[in-house]
Protein backbone atom coordinates (compact mmCIF):
# COMPACT_ATOMS: atom_id res chain seq x y z
CA UNK A 1 -69.00 -93.48 -129.16
CA UNK A 2 -71.25 -93.29 -132.20
CA UNK A 3 -69.62 -93.01 -135.60
CA UNK A 4 -71.28 -91.79 -138.76
CA UNK A 5 -71.58 -94.48 -141.47
CA UNK A 6 -72.99 -94.81 -144.93
CA UNK A 7 -73.83 -98.12 -146.58
CA UNK A 8 -74.86 -98.72 -150.17
CA UNK A 9 -76.18 -102.12 -151.16
CA UNK A 10 -77.47 -103.58 -154.40
CA UNK A 11 -80.43 -105.94 -154.39
CA UNK A 12 -81.16 -108.47 -157.12
CA UNK A 13 -83.40 -107.10 -159.91
CA UNK A 14 -85.91 -109.97 -159.82
CA UNK A 15 -87.51 -108.62 -156.61
CA UNK A 16 -90.87 -106.89 -156.56
CA UNK A 17 -91.21 -103.49 -154.89
CA UNK A 18 -92.71 -105.14 -151.81
CA UNK A 19 -89.83 -107.62 -151.52
CA UNK A 20 -87.28 -104.84 -152.00
CA UNK A 21 -88.83 -102.71 -149.24
CA UNK A 22 -89.03 -105.79 -147.00
CA UNK A 23 -85.28 -106.39 -147.46
CA UNK A 24 -84.48 -102.74 -146.66
CA UNK A 25 -86.68 -102.89 -143.55
CA UNK A 26 -84.81 -106.01 -142.42
CA UNK A 27 -81.46 -104.17 -142.54
CA UNK A 28 -82.93 -101.07 -140.89
CA UNK A 29 -84.27 -103.21 -138.04
CA UNK A 30 -80.80 -104.72 -137.50
CA UNK A 31 -79.47 -101.19 -137.05
CA UNK A 32 -82.32 -100.06 -134.80
CA UNK A 33 -81.97 -103.13 -132.54
CA UNK A 34 -78.51 -101.93 -131.53
CA UNK A 35 -79.56 -98.35 -130.74
CA UNK A 36 -78.34 -96.93 -134.03
CA UNK A 37 -79.92 -93.80 -135.46
CA UNK A 38 -80.85 -93.81 -139.15
CA UNK A 39 -80.12 -90.35 -140.52
CA UNK A 40 -81.01 -90.79 -144.19
CA UNK A 41 -82.48 -93.43 -146.45
CA UNK A 42 -82.50 -93.24 -150.24
CA UNK A 43 -83.77 -95.58 -152.92
CA UNK A 44 -81.93 -95.00 -156.17
CA UNK A 45 -84.08 -97.50 -158.01
CA UNK A 46 -83.20 -100.01 -160.70
CA UNK A 47 -79.87 -99.12 -162.31
CA UNK A 48 -77.46 -100.70 -164.71
CA UNK A 49 -74.40 -102.29 -163.09
CA UNK A 50 -70.93 -101.31 -164.25
CA UNK A 51 -70.20 -104.99 -164.94
CA UNK A 52 -72.31 -108.16 -164.73
CA UNK A 53 -72.53 -109.82 -161.31
CA UNK A 54 -73.91 -113.38 -161.19
CA UNK A 55 -75.13 -112.91 -164.78
CA UNK A 56 -77.20 -109.88 -163.74
CA UNK A 57 -76.73 -106.52 -165.45
CA UNK A 58 -79.09 -104.42 -163.27
CA UNK A 59 -79.92 -104.08 -159.58
CA UNK A 60 -81.87 -102.02 -157.03
CA UNK A 61 -79.54 -99.54 -155.33
CA UNK A 62 -80.26 -98.45 -151.74
CA UNK A 63 -78.36 -96.09 -149.44
CA UNK A 64 -78.58 -95.95 -145.65
CA UNK A 65 -76.81 -93.26 -143.66
CA UNK A 66 -76.69 -93.86 -139.91
CA UNK A 67 -74.94 -93.24 -136.59
CA UNK A 68 -73.85 -96.44 -134.86
CA UNK A 69 -71.34 -98.17 -132.66
CA UNK A 70 -68.46 -99.83 -134.56
CA UNK A 71 -69.59 -103.30 -133.42
CA UNK A 72 -72.91 -102.93 -135.28
CA UNK A 73 -71.14 -102.92 -138.64
CA UNK A 74 -70.00 -106.53 -138.25
CA UNK A 75 -73.56 -107.67 -137.51
CA UNK A 76 -74.93 -105.72 -140.46
CA UNK A 77 -72.35 -107.03 -142.93
CA UNK A 78 -72.88 -110.62 -141.78
CA UNK A 79 -76.57 -110.21 -142.60
CA UNK A 80 -75.68 -108.73 -146.01
CA UNK A 81 -73.54 -111.81 -146.75
CA UNK A 82 -76.26 -114.24 -145.60
CA UNK A 83 -79.08 -112.65 -147.59
CA UNK A 84 -79.32 -114.03 -151.13
CA UNK A 85 -81.11 -110.89 -152.31
CA UNK A 86 -77.98 -108.74 -151.81
CA UNK A 87 -75.61 -108.71 -154.79
CA UNK A 88 -73.03 -106.25 -153.41
CA UNK A 89 -72.63 -103.90 -150.44
CA UNK A 90 -70.18 -101.30 -149.21
CA UNK A 91 -70.11 -99.64 -145.79
CA UNK A 92 -67.90 -96.64 -145.13
CA UNK A 93 -67.20 -94.59 -142.03
CA UNK A 94 -67.64 -90.92 -142.85
CA UNK A 95 -65.12 -88.41 -141.54
CA UNK A 96 -66.23 -84.89 -140.64
CA UNK A 97 -65.81 -83.59 -144.20
CA UNK A 98 -67.77 -86.43 -145.75
CA UNK A 99 -70.49 -86.03 -143.10
CA UNK A 100 -70.75 -82.31 -143.94
CA UNK A 101 -71.03 -83.13 -147.63
CA UNK A 102 -73.72 -85.75 -146.94
CA UNK A 103 -75.70 -83.20 -144.91
CA UNK A 104 -75.45 -80.67 -147.75
CA UNK A 105 -76.59 -83.33 -150.23
CA UNK A 106 -79.58 -84.19 -148.03
CA UNK A 107 -80.56 -80.53 -147.68
CA UNK A 108 -80.22 -79.95 -151.42
CA UNK A 109 -82.40 -82.99 -152.21
CA UNK A 110 -85.06 -81.92 -149.70
CA UNK A 111 -85.18 -78.42 -151.23
CA UNK A 112 -85.38 -79.95 -154.70
CA UNK A 113 -88.31 -82.16 -153.67
CA UNK A 114 -90.16 -79.24 -152.05
CA UNK A 115 -89.86 -77.16 -155.24
CA UNK A 116 -91.35 -79.92 -157.41
């Protein structure tokens, strides 16, 4: 049974764009190895943190929305903890209402991009 998940993680701000994309690809490959389907991927860019973490006040925010088995989440979060580039992460299981809202948000963003 595949569940719908969303994970947001913050990468350290000292990374270059290439290193940041390499880190994101690493986590995507972990998901794809276990037959997960990535639904949406967003880079929110360099943003100010609400409070300093490890003496850092900014970080690269990334969002991955995916369908996966519940056992995949443990593997993914272990890799988040092992990777020194990750400052913080949060994975949530989306219920049907949150999944509908995420789909609306994706559609709105795609329309917004097409208009510009």
